Amino acid sequence: MKLLFDENLSARRARDLADLYPQSSHVTSLGLGGAGVGMIWARAAADGFAFVTKDEDFQRLRVLMGAPRLGNCATPDVIRLLRG
């Protein structure tokens, strides 16, 4: 599995988890900085990424598409979830 981290999470998260998710990336690394919700969601799906965000804008898409959600939490919680 590879992860795509949203702008609301540091690009360092991809490096922090590279041992478990070596092909992970950040939206800015893919030229998606400032892109809309639909464009990011579509790119993540097309490229086989699991999308990681803390942004509430993705709530509607999550409900429609059925993706899991951790909720608004601290970055260490995201790291713990993904390492677990």
PDB file of N, CA and C in Angstrom:
ATOM      1  N   MET A   1       0.846  -1.174   0.000  1.00  0.00           N
ATOM      2  CA  MET A   1       0.000   0.000   0.000  1.00  0.00           C
ATOM      3  C   MET A   1       0.889   1.233   0.000  1.00  0.00           C
ATOM      4  N   LYS A   2       0.443   2.245  -0.744  1.00  0.00           N
ATOM      5  CA  LYS A   2       1.130   3.524  -0.730  1.00  0.00           C
ATOM      6  C   LYS A   2       0.145   4.604  -0.324  1.00  0.00           C
ATOM      7  N   LEU A   3       0.639   5.584   0.387  1.00  0.00           N
ATOM      8  CA  LEU A   3      -0.193   6.634   0.953  1.00  0.00           C
ATOM      9  C   LEU A   3       0.051   7.952   0.231  1.00  0.00           C
ATOM     10  N   LEU A   4      -0.999   8.737   0.095  1.00  0.00           N
ATOM     11  CA  LEU A   4      -0.890  10.089  -0.424  1.00  0.00           C
ATOM     12  C   LEU A   4      -1.341  11.034   0.681  1.00  0.00           C
ATOM     13  N   PHE A   5      -0.420  11.868   1.158  1.00  0.00           N
ATOM     14  CA  PHE A   5      -0.704  12.784   2.253  1.00  0.00           C
ATOM     15  C   PHE A   5      -1.185  14.122   1.721  1.00  0.00           C
ATOM     16  N   ASP A   6      -2.243  14.630   2.321  1.00  0.00           N
ATOM     17  CA  ASP A   6      -2.835  15.899   1.945  1.00  0.00           C
ATOM     18  C   ASP A   6      -1.970  17.058   2.439  1.00  0.00           C
ATOM     19  N   GLU A   7      -2.283  18.258   1.943  1.00  0.00           N
ATOM     20  CA  GLU A   7      -1.540  19.462   2.331  1.00  0.00           C
ATOM     21  C   GLU A   7      -1.625  19.761   3.820  1.00  0.00           C
ATOM     22  N   ASN A   8      -2.684  19.330   4.483  1.00  0.00           N
ATOM     23  CA  ASN A   8      -2.826  19.632   5.901  1.00  0.00           C
ATOM     24  C   ASN A   8      -1.933  18.751   6.771  1.00  0.00           C
ATOM     25  N   LEU A   9      -1.189  17.861   6.156  1.00  0.00           N
ATOM     26  CA  LEU A   9      -0.206  17.033   6.852  1.00  0.00           C
ATOM     27  C   LEU A   9       1.167  17.325   6.246  1.00  0.00           C
ATOM     28  N   SER A  10       2.165  17.312   7.076  1.00  0.00           N
ATOM     29  CA  SER A  10       3.513  17.613   6.616  1.00  0.00           C
ATOM     30  C   SER A  10       3.997  16.580   5.597  1.00  0.00           C
ATOM     31  N   ALA A  11       4.754  17.049   4.625  1.00  0.00           N
ATOM     32  CA  ALA A  11       5.369  16.150   3.639  1.00  0.00           C
ATOM     33  C   ALA A  11       6.325  15.175   4.317  1.00  0.00           C
ATOM     34  N   ARG A  12       6.764  15.493   5.508  1.00  0.00           N
ATOM     35  CA  ARG A  12       7.661  14.586   6.260  1.00  0.00           C
ATOM     36  C   ARG A  12       6.981  13.268   6.616  1.00  0.00           C
ATOM     37  N   ARG A  13       5.651  13.254   6.651  1.00  0.00           N
ATOM     38  CA  ARG A  13       4.947  12.020   7.026  1.00  0.00           C
ATOM     39  C   ARG A  13       5.261  10.887   6.051  1.00  0.00           C
ATOM     40  N   ALA A  14       5.421  11.196   4.792  1.00  0.00           N
ATOM     41  CA  ALA A  14       5.777  10.158   3.817  1.00  0.00           C
ATOM     42  C   ALA A  14       7.140   9.567   4.168  1.00  0.00           C
ATOM     43  N   ARG A  15       8.062  10.400   4.596  1.00  0.00           N
ATOM     44  CA  ARG A  15       9.388   9.905   5.012  1.00  0.00           C
ATOM     45  C   ARG A  15       9.307   9.160   6.341  1.00  0.00           C
ATOM     46  N   ASP A  16       8.476   9.647   7.251  1.00  0.00           N
ATOM     47  CA  ASP A  16       8.339   9.002   8.568  1.00  0.00           C
ATOM     48  C   ASP A  16       7.842   7.561   8.445  1.00  0.00           C
ATOM     49  N   LEU A  17       7.074   7.292   7.408  1.00  0.00           N
ATOM     50  CA  LEU A  17       6.466   5.976   7.242  1.00  0.00           C
ATOM     51  C   LEU A  17       7.023   5.204   6.046  1.00  0.00           C
ATOM     52  N   ALA A  18       8.141   5.664   5.507  1.00  0.00           N
ATOM     53  CA  ALA A  18       8.716   5.047   4.309  1.00  0.00           C
ATOM     54  C   ALA A  18       9.088   3.582   4.520  1.00  0.00           C
ATOM     55  N   ASP A  19       9.388   3.185   5.752  1.00  0.00           N
ATOM     56  CA  ASP A  19       9.739   1.780   6.005  1.00  0.00           C
ATOM     57  C   ASP A  19       8.532   0.865   5.820  1.00  0.00           C
ATOM     58  N   LEU A  20       7.340   1.374   6.089  1.00  0.00           N
ATOM     59  CA  LEU A  20       6.123   0.574   5.944  1.00  0.00           C
ATOM     60  C   LEU A  20       5.384   0.840   4.637  1.00  0.00           C
ATOM     61  N   TYR A  21       5.473   2.059   4.142  1.00  0.00           N
ATOM     62  CA  TYR A  21       4.754   2.486   2.939  1.00  0.00           C
ATOM     63  C   TYR A  21       5.745   3.188   2.003  1.00  0.00           C
ATOM     64  N   PRO A  22       6.628   2.427   1.369  1.00  0.00           N
ATOM     65  CA  PRO A  22       7.763   3.015   0.644  1.00  0.00           C
ATOM     66  C   PRO A  22       7.417   3.860  -0.581  1.00  0.00           C
ATOM     67  N   GLN A  23       6.283   3.706  -1.180  1.00  0.00           N
ATOM     68  CA  GLN A  23       5.943   4.484  -2.376  1.00  0.00           C
ATOM     69  C   GLN A  23       5.019   5.654  -2.071  1.00  0.00           C
ATOM     70  N   SER A  24       4.950   6.028  -0.808  1.00  0.00           N
ATOM     71  CA  SER A  24       4.055   7.112  -0.397  1.00  0.00           C
ATOM     72  C   SER A  24       4.558   8.457  -0.899  1.00  0.00           C
ATOM     73  N   SER A  25       3.631   9.425  -0.955  1.00  0.00           N
ATOM     74  CA  SER A  25       3.960  10.742  -1.471  1.00  0.00           C
ATOM     75  C   SER A  25       3.096  11.795  -0.788  1.00  0.00           C
ATOM     76  N   HIS A  26       3.326  13.030  -1.149  1.00  0.00           N
ATOM     77  CA  HIS A  26       2.575  14.169  -0.643  1.00  0.00           C
ATOM     78  C   HIS A  26       1.942  14.870  -1.841  1.00  0.00           C
ATOM     79  N   VAL A  27       0.780  15.472  -1.672  1.00  0.00           N
ATOM     80  CA  VAL A  27       0.093  16.094  -2.803  1.00  0.00           C
ATOM     81  C   VAL A  27       0.974  17.117  -3.516  1.00  0.00           C
ATOM     82  N   THR A  28       1.792  17.850  -2.777  1.00  0.00           N
ATOM     83  CA  THR A  28       2.645  18.846  -3.420  1.00  0.00           C
ATOM     84  C   THR A  28       3.708  18.190  -4.294  1.00  0.00           C
ATOM     85  N   SER A  29       4.135  16.990  -3.940  1.00  0.00           N
ATOM     86  CA  SER A  29       5.128  16.270  -4.744  1.00  0.00           C
ATOM     87  C   SER A  29       4.544  15.827  -6.082  1.00  0.00           C
ATOM     88  N   LEU A  30       3.226  15.717  -6.141  1.00  0.00           N
ATOM     89  CA  LEU A  30       2.554  15.303  -7.368  1.00  0.00           C
ATOM     90  C   LEU A  30       1.979  16.492  -8.142  1.00  0.00           C
ATOM     91  N   GLY A  31       2.334  17.702  -7.715  1.00  0.00           N
ATOM     92  CA  GLY A  31       1.836  18.895  -8.381  1.00  0.00           C
ATOM     93  C   GLY A  31       0.389  19.206  -8.079  1.00  0.00           C
ATOM     94  N   LEU A  32      -0.117  18.704  -6.944  1.00  0.00           N
ATOM     95  CA  LEU A  32      -1.520  18.897  -6.581  1.00  0.00           C
ATOM     96  C   LEU A  32      -1.714  19.902  -5.453  1.00  0.00           C
ATOM     97  N   GLY A  33      -0.690  20.674  -5.154  1.00  0.00           N
ATOM     98  CA  GLY A  33      -0.832  21.691  -4.115  1.00  0.00           C
ATOM     99  C   GLY A  33      -1.932  22.673  -4.489  1.00  0.00           C
ATOM    100  N   GLY A  34      -2.908  22.876  -3.629  1.00  0.00           N
ATOM    101  CA  GLY A  34      -4.014  23.781  -3.881  1.00  0.00           C
ATOM    102  C   GLY A  34      -5.103  23.208  -4.777  1.00  0.00           C
ATOM    103  N   ALA A  35      -4.964  21.961  -5.183  1.00  0.00           N
ATOM    104  CA  ALA A  35      -5.968  21.327  -6.048  1.00  0.00           C
ATOM    105  C   ALA A  35      -7.258  21.076  -5.283  1.00  0.00           C
ATOM    106  N   GLY A  36      -8.333  20.955  -6.013  1.00  0.00           N
ATOM    107  CA  GLY A  36      -9.633  20.699  -5.409  1.00  0.00           C
ATOM    108  C   GLY A  36      -9.782  19.266  -4.935  1.00  0.00           C
ATOM    109  N   VAL A  37     -10.786  19.073  -4.101  1.00  0.00           N
ATOM    110  CA  VAL A  37     -11.076  17.771  -3.501  1.00  0.00           C
ATOM    111  C   VAL A  37     -11.234  16.685  -4.565  1.00  0.00           C
ATOM    112  N   GLY A  38     -12.018  16.958  -5.579  1.00  0.00           N
ATOM    113  CA  GLY A  38     -12.274  15.956  -6.614  1.00  0.00           C
ATOM    114  C   GLY A  38     -11.023  15.551  -7.367  1.00  0.00           C
ATOM    115  N   MET A  39     -10.172  16.529  -7.677  1.00  0.00           N
ATOM    116  CA  MET A  39      -8.947  16.234  -8.418  1.00  0.00           C
ATOM    117  C   MET A  39      -7.996  15.373  -7.589  1.00  0.00           C
ATOM    118  N   ILE A  40      -7.849  15.699  -6.320  1.00  0.00           N
ATOM    119  CA  ILE A  40      -6.961  14.925  -5.447  1.00  0.00           C
ATOM    120  C   ILE A  40      -7.509  13.513  -5.265  1.00  0.00           C
ATOM    121  N   TRP A  41      -8.808  13.405  -5.009  1.00  0.00           N
ATOM    122  CA  TRP A  41      -9.433  12.089  -4.810  1.00  0.00           C
ATOM    123  C   TRP A  41      -9.238  11.217  -6.056  1.00  0.00           C
ATOM    124  N   ALA A  42      -9.475  11.803  -7.228  1.00  0.00           N
ATOM    125  CA  ALA A  42      -9.351  11.059  -8.484  1.00  0.00           C
ATOM    126  C   ALA A  42      -7.913  10.611  -8.726  1.00  0.00           C
ATOM    127  N   ARG A  43      -6.968  11.481  -8.448  1.00  0.00           N
ATOM    128  CA  ARG A  43      -5.552  11.127  -8.654  1.00  0.00           C
ATOM    129  C   ARG A  43      -5.140  10.017  -7.696  1.00  0.00           C
ATOM    130  N   ALA A  44      -5.558  10.114  -6.444  1.00  0.00           N
ATOM    131  CA  ALA A  44      -5.237   9.068  -5.464  1.00  0.00           C
ATOM    132  C   ALA A  44      -5.787   7.728  -5.937  1.00  0.00           C
ATOM    133  N   ALA A  45      -7.019   7.711  -6.381  1.00  0.00           N
ATOM    134  CA  ALA A  45      -7.646   6.473  -6.849  1.00  0.00           C
ATOM    135  C   ALA A  45      -6.951   5.945  -8.101  1.00  0.00           C
ATOM    136  N   ALA A  46      -6.671   6.822  -9.050  1.00  0.00           N
ATOM    137  CA  ALA A  46      -6.062   6.405 -10.317  1.00  0.00           C
ATOM    138  C   ALA A  46      -4.662   5.838 -10.120  1.00  0.00           C
ATOM    139  N   ASP A  47      -3.931   6.396  -9.168  1.00  0.00           N
ATOM    140  CA  ASP A  47      -2.547   5.967  -8.940  1.00  0.00           C
ATOM    141  C   ASP A  47      -2.412   4.939  -7.822  1.00  0.00           C
ATOM    142  N   GLY A  48      -3.540   4.475  -7.281  1.00  0.00           N
ATOM    143  CA  GLY A  48      -3.510   3.424  -6.269  1.00  0.00           C
ATOM    144  C   GLY A  48      -3.058   3.865  -4.888  1.00  0.00           C
ATOM    145  N   PHE A  49      -3.279   5.137  -4.560  1.00  0.00           N
ATOM    146  CA  PHE A  49      -2.931   5.646  -3.240  1.00  0.00           C
ATOM    147  C   PHE A  49      -4.106   5.500  -2.275  1.00  0.00           C
ATOM    148  N   ALA A  50      -3.808   5.280  -1.024  1.00  0.00           N
ATOM    149  CA  ALA A  50      -4.770   5.481   0.057  1.00  0.00           C
ATOM    150  C   ALA A  50      -4.552   6.922   0.501  1.00  0.00           C
ATOM    151  N   PHE A  51      -5.600   7.717   0.504  1.00  0.00           N
ATOM    152  CA  PHE A  51      -5.472   9.148   0.783  1.00  0.00           C
ATOM    153  C   PHE A  51      -5.561   9.400   2.274  1.00  0.00           C
ATOM    154  N   VAL A  52      -4.610  10.180   2.802  1.00  0.00           N
ATOM    155  CA  VAL A  52      -4.553  10.502   4.229  1.00  0.00           C
ATOM    156  C   VAL A  52      -4.728  12.011   4.380  1.00  0.00           C
ATOM    157  N   THR A  53      -5.772  12.412   5.108  1.00  0.00           N
ATOM    158  CA  THR A  53      -6.064  13.829   5.302  1.00  0.00           C
ATOM    159  C   THR A  53      -6.722  14.043   6.657  1.00  0.00           C
ATOM    160  N   LYS A  54      -6.656  15.277   7.125  1.00  0.00           N
ATOM    161  CA  LYS A  54      -7.414  15.677   8.310  1.00  0.00           C
ATOM    162  C   LYS A  54      -8.469  16.702   7.916  1.00  0.00           C
ATOM    163  N   ASP A  55      -8.658  16.916   6.633  1.00  0.00           N
ATOM    164  CA  ASP A  55      -9.533  17.942   6.089  1.00  0.00           C
ATOM    165  C   ASP A  55     -10.980  17.470   6.060  1.00  0.00           C
ATOM    166  N   GLU A  56     -11.860  18.254   6.615  1.00  0.00           N
ATOM    167  CA  GLU A  56     -13.282  17.916   6.646  1.00  0.00           C
ATOM    168  C   GLU A  56     -13.923  17.975   5.260  1.00  0.00           C
ATOM    169  N   ASP A  57     -13.284  18.651   4.293  1.00  0.00           N
ATOM    170  CA  ASP A  57     -13.842  18.725   2.941  1.00  0.00           C
ATOM    171  C   ASP A  57     -13.984  17.342   2.309  1.00  0.00           C
ATOM    172  N   PHE A  58     -13.197  16.403   2.766  1.00  0.00           N
ATOM    173  CA  PHE A  58     -13.241  15.067   2.190  1.00  0.00           C
ATOM    174  C   PHE A  58     -14.320  14.191   2.834  1.00  0.00           C
ATOM    175  N   GLN A  59     -15.000  14.728   3.827  1.00  0.00           N
ATOM    176  CA  GLN A  59     -16.043  13.972   4.522  1.00  0.00           C
ATOM    177  C   GLN A  59     -17.141  13.495   3.568  1.00  0.00           C
ATOM    178  N   ARG A  60     -17.622  14.393   2.702  1.00  0.00           N
ATOM    179  CA  ARG A  60     -18.680  14.007   1.763  1.00  0.00           C
ATOM    180  C   ARG A  60     -18.223  12.895   0.822  1.00  0.00           C
ATOM    181  N   LEU A  61     -17.007  13.018   0.310  1.00  0.00           N
ATOM    182  CA  LEU A  61     -16.494  11.977  -0.573  1.00  0.00           C
ATOM    183  C   LEU A  61     -16.314  10.664   0.175  1.00  0.00           C
ATOM    184  N   ARG A  62     -15.873  10.743   1.402  1.00  0.00           N
ATOM    185  CA  ARG A  62     -15.691   9.529   2.198  1.00  0.00           C
ATOM    186  C   ARG A  62     -17.018   8.814   2.369  1.00  0.00           C
ATOM    187  N   VAL A  63     -18.046   9.572   2.668  1.00  0.00           N
ATOM    188  CA  VAL A  63     -19.370   8.976   2.849  1.00  0.00           C
ATOM    189  C   VAL A  63     -19.839   8.341   1.538  1.00  0.00           C
ATOM    190  N   LEU A  64     -19.658   9.062   0.443  1.00  0.00           N
ATOM    191  CA  LEU A  64     -20.092   8.549  -0.853  1.00  0.00           C
ATOM    192  C   LEU A  64     -19.266   7.360  -1.320  1.00  0.00           C
ATOM    193  N   MET A  65     -17.966   7.405  -1.061  1.00  0.00           N
ATOM    194  CA  MET A  65     -17.068   6.390  -1.593  1.00  0.00           C
ATOM    195  C   MET A  65     -16.733   5.287  -0.582  1.00  0.00           C
ATOM    196  N   GLY A  66     -17.043   5.496   0.690  1.00  0.00           N
ATOM    197  CA  GLY A  66     -16.831   4.452   1.674  1.00  0.00           C
ATOM    198  C   GLY A  66     -15.430   4.326   2.246  1.00  0.00           C
ATOM    199  N   ALA A  67     -14.613   5.362   2.123  1.00  0.00           N
ATOM    200  CA  ALA A  67     -13.249   5.298   2.646  1.00  0.00           C
ATOM    201  C   ALA A  67     -13.240   5.442   4.165  1.00  0.00           C
ATOM    202  N   PRO A  68     -12.300   4.795   4.853  1.00  0.00           N
ATOM    203  CA  PRO A  68     -12.219   4.923   6.309  1.00  0.00           C
ATOM    204  C   PRO A  68     -11.763   6.316   6.721  1.00  0.00           C
ATOM    205  N   ARG A  69     -12.067   6.682   7.954  1.00  0.00           N
ATOM    206  CA  ARG A  69     -11.718   8.007   8.455  1.00  0.00           C
ATOM    207  C   ARG A  69     -11.352   7.916   9.924  1.00  0.00           C
ATOM    208  N   LEU A  70     -10.272   8.570  10.299  1.00  0.00           N
ATOM    209  CA  LEU A  70      -9.840   8.606  11.688  1.00  0.00           C
ATOM    210  C   LEU A  70     -10.494   9.767  12.424  1.00  0.00           C
ATOM    211  N   GLY A  71     -10.754  10.867  11.751  1.00  0.00           N
ATOM    212  CA  GLY A  71     -11.328  12.043  12.376  1.00  0.00           C
ATOM    213  C   GLY A  71     -10.268  13.094  12.634  1.00  0.00           C
ATOM    214  N   ASN A  72     -10.681  14.223  13.158  1.00  0.00           N
ATOM    215  CA  ASN A  72      -9.753  15.303  13.431  1.00  0.00           C
ATOM    216  C   ASN A  72      -8.909  14.915  14.631  1.00  0.00           C
ATOM    217  N   CYS A  73      -7.614  14.731  14.405  1.00  0.00           N
ATOM    218  CA  CYS A  73      -6.732  14.259  15.467  1.00  0.00           C
ATOM    219  C   CYS A  73      -5.339  14.818  15.253  1.00  0.00           C
ATOM    220  N   ALA A  74      -4.490  14.565  16.180  1.00  0.00           N
ATOM    221  CA  ALA A  74      -3.101  15.008  16.089  1.00  0.00           C
ATOM    222  C   ALA A  74      -2.327  14.122  15.116  1.00  0.00           C
ATOM    223  N   THR A  75      -1.296  14.695  14.515  1.00  0.00           N
ATOM    224  CA  THR A  75      -0.464  13.950  13.568  1.00  0.00           C
ATOM    225  C   THR A  75       0.098  12.666  14.173  1.00  0.00           C
ATOM    226  N   PRO A  76       0.552  12.664  15.431  1.00  0.00           N
ATOM    227  CA  PRO A  76       1.034  11.395  15.995  1.00  0.00           C
ATOM    228  C   PRO A  76      -0.029  10.296  16.006  1.00  0.00           C
ATOM    229  N   ASP A  77      -1.304  10.684  16.115  1.00  0.00           N
ATOM    230  CA  ASP A  77      -2.385   9.699  16.051  1.00  0.00           C
ATOM    231  C   ASP A  77      -2.456   9.070  14.665  1.00  0.00           C
ATOM    232  N   VAL A  78      -2.253   9.871  13.636  1.00  0.00           N
ATOM    233  CA  VAL A  78      -2.254   9.355  12.271  1.00  0.00           C
ATOM    234  C   VAL A  78      -1.101   8.370  12.098  1.00  0.00           C
ATOM    235  N   ILE A  79       0.072   8.737  12.574  1.00  0.00           N
ATOM    236  CA  ILE A  79       1.253   7.866  12.471  1.00  0.00           C
ATOM    237  C   ILE A  79       0.985   6.551  13.213  1.00  0.00           C
ATOM    238  N   ARG A  80       0.428   6.632  14.410  1.00  0.00           N
ATOM    239  CA  ARG A  80       0.117   5.425  15.201  1.00  0.00           C
ATOM    240  C   ARG A  80      -0.858   4.524  14.471  1.00  0.00           C
ATOM    241  N   LEU A  81      -1.892   5.107  13.886  1.00  0.00           N
ATOM    242  CA  LEU A  81      -2.882   4.334  13.143  1.00  0.00           C
ATOM    243  C   LEU A  81      -2.220   3.601  11.964  1.00  0.00           C
ATOM    244  N   LEU A  82      -1.414   4.325  11.226  1.00  0.00           N
ATOM    245  CA  LEU A  82      -0.806   3.735  10.038  1.00  0.00           C
ATOM    246  C   LEU A  82       0.279   2.717  10.374  1.00  0.00           C
ATOM    247  N   ARG A  83       0.924   2.861  11.515  1.00  0.00           N
ATOM    248  CA  ARG A  83       1.927   1.880  11.946  1.00  0.00           C
ATOM    249  C   ARG A  83       1.254   0.642  12.535  1.00  0.00           C
ATOM    250  N   GLY A  84       0.044   0.838  13.073  1.00  0.00           N
ATOM    251  CA  GLY A  84      -0.670  -0.292  13.688  1.00  0.00           C
ATOM    252  C   GLY A  84      -1.266  -1.173  12.644  1.00  0.00           C
TER     253      GLY A  84
END
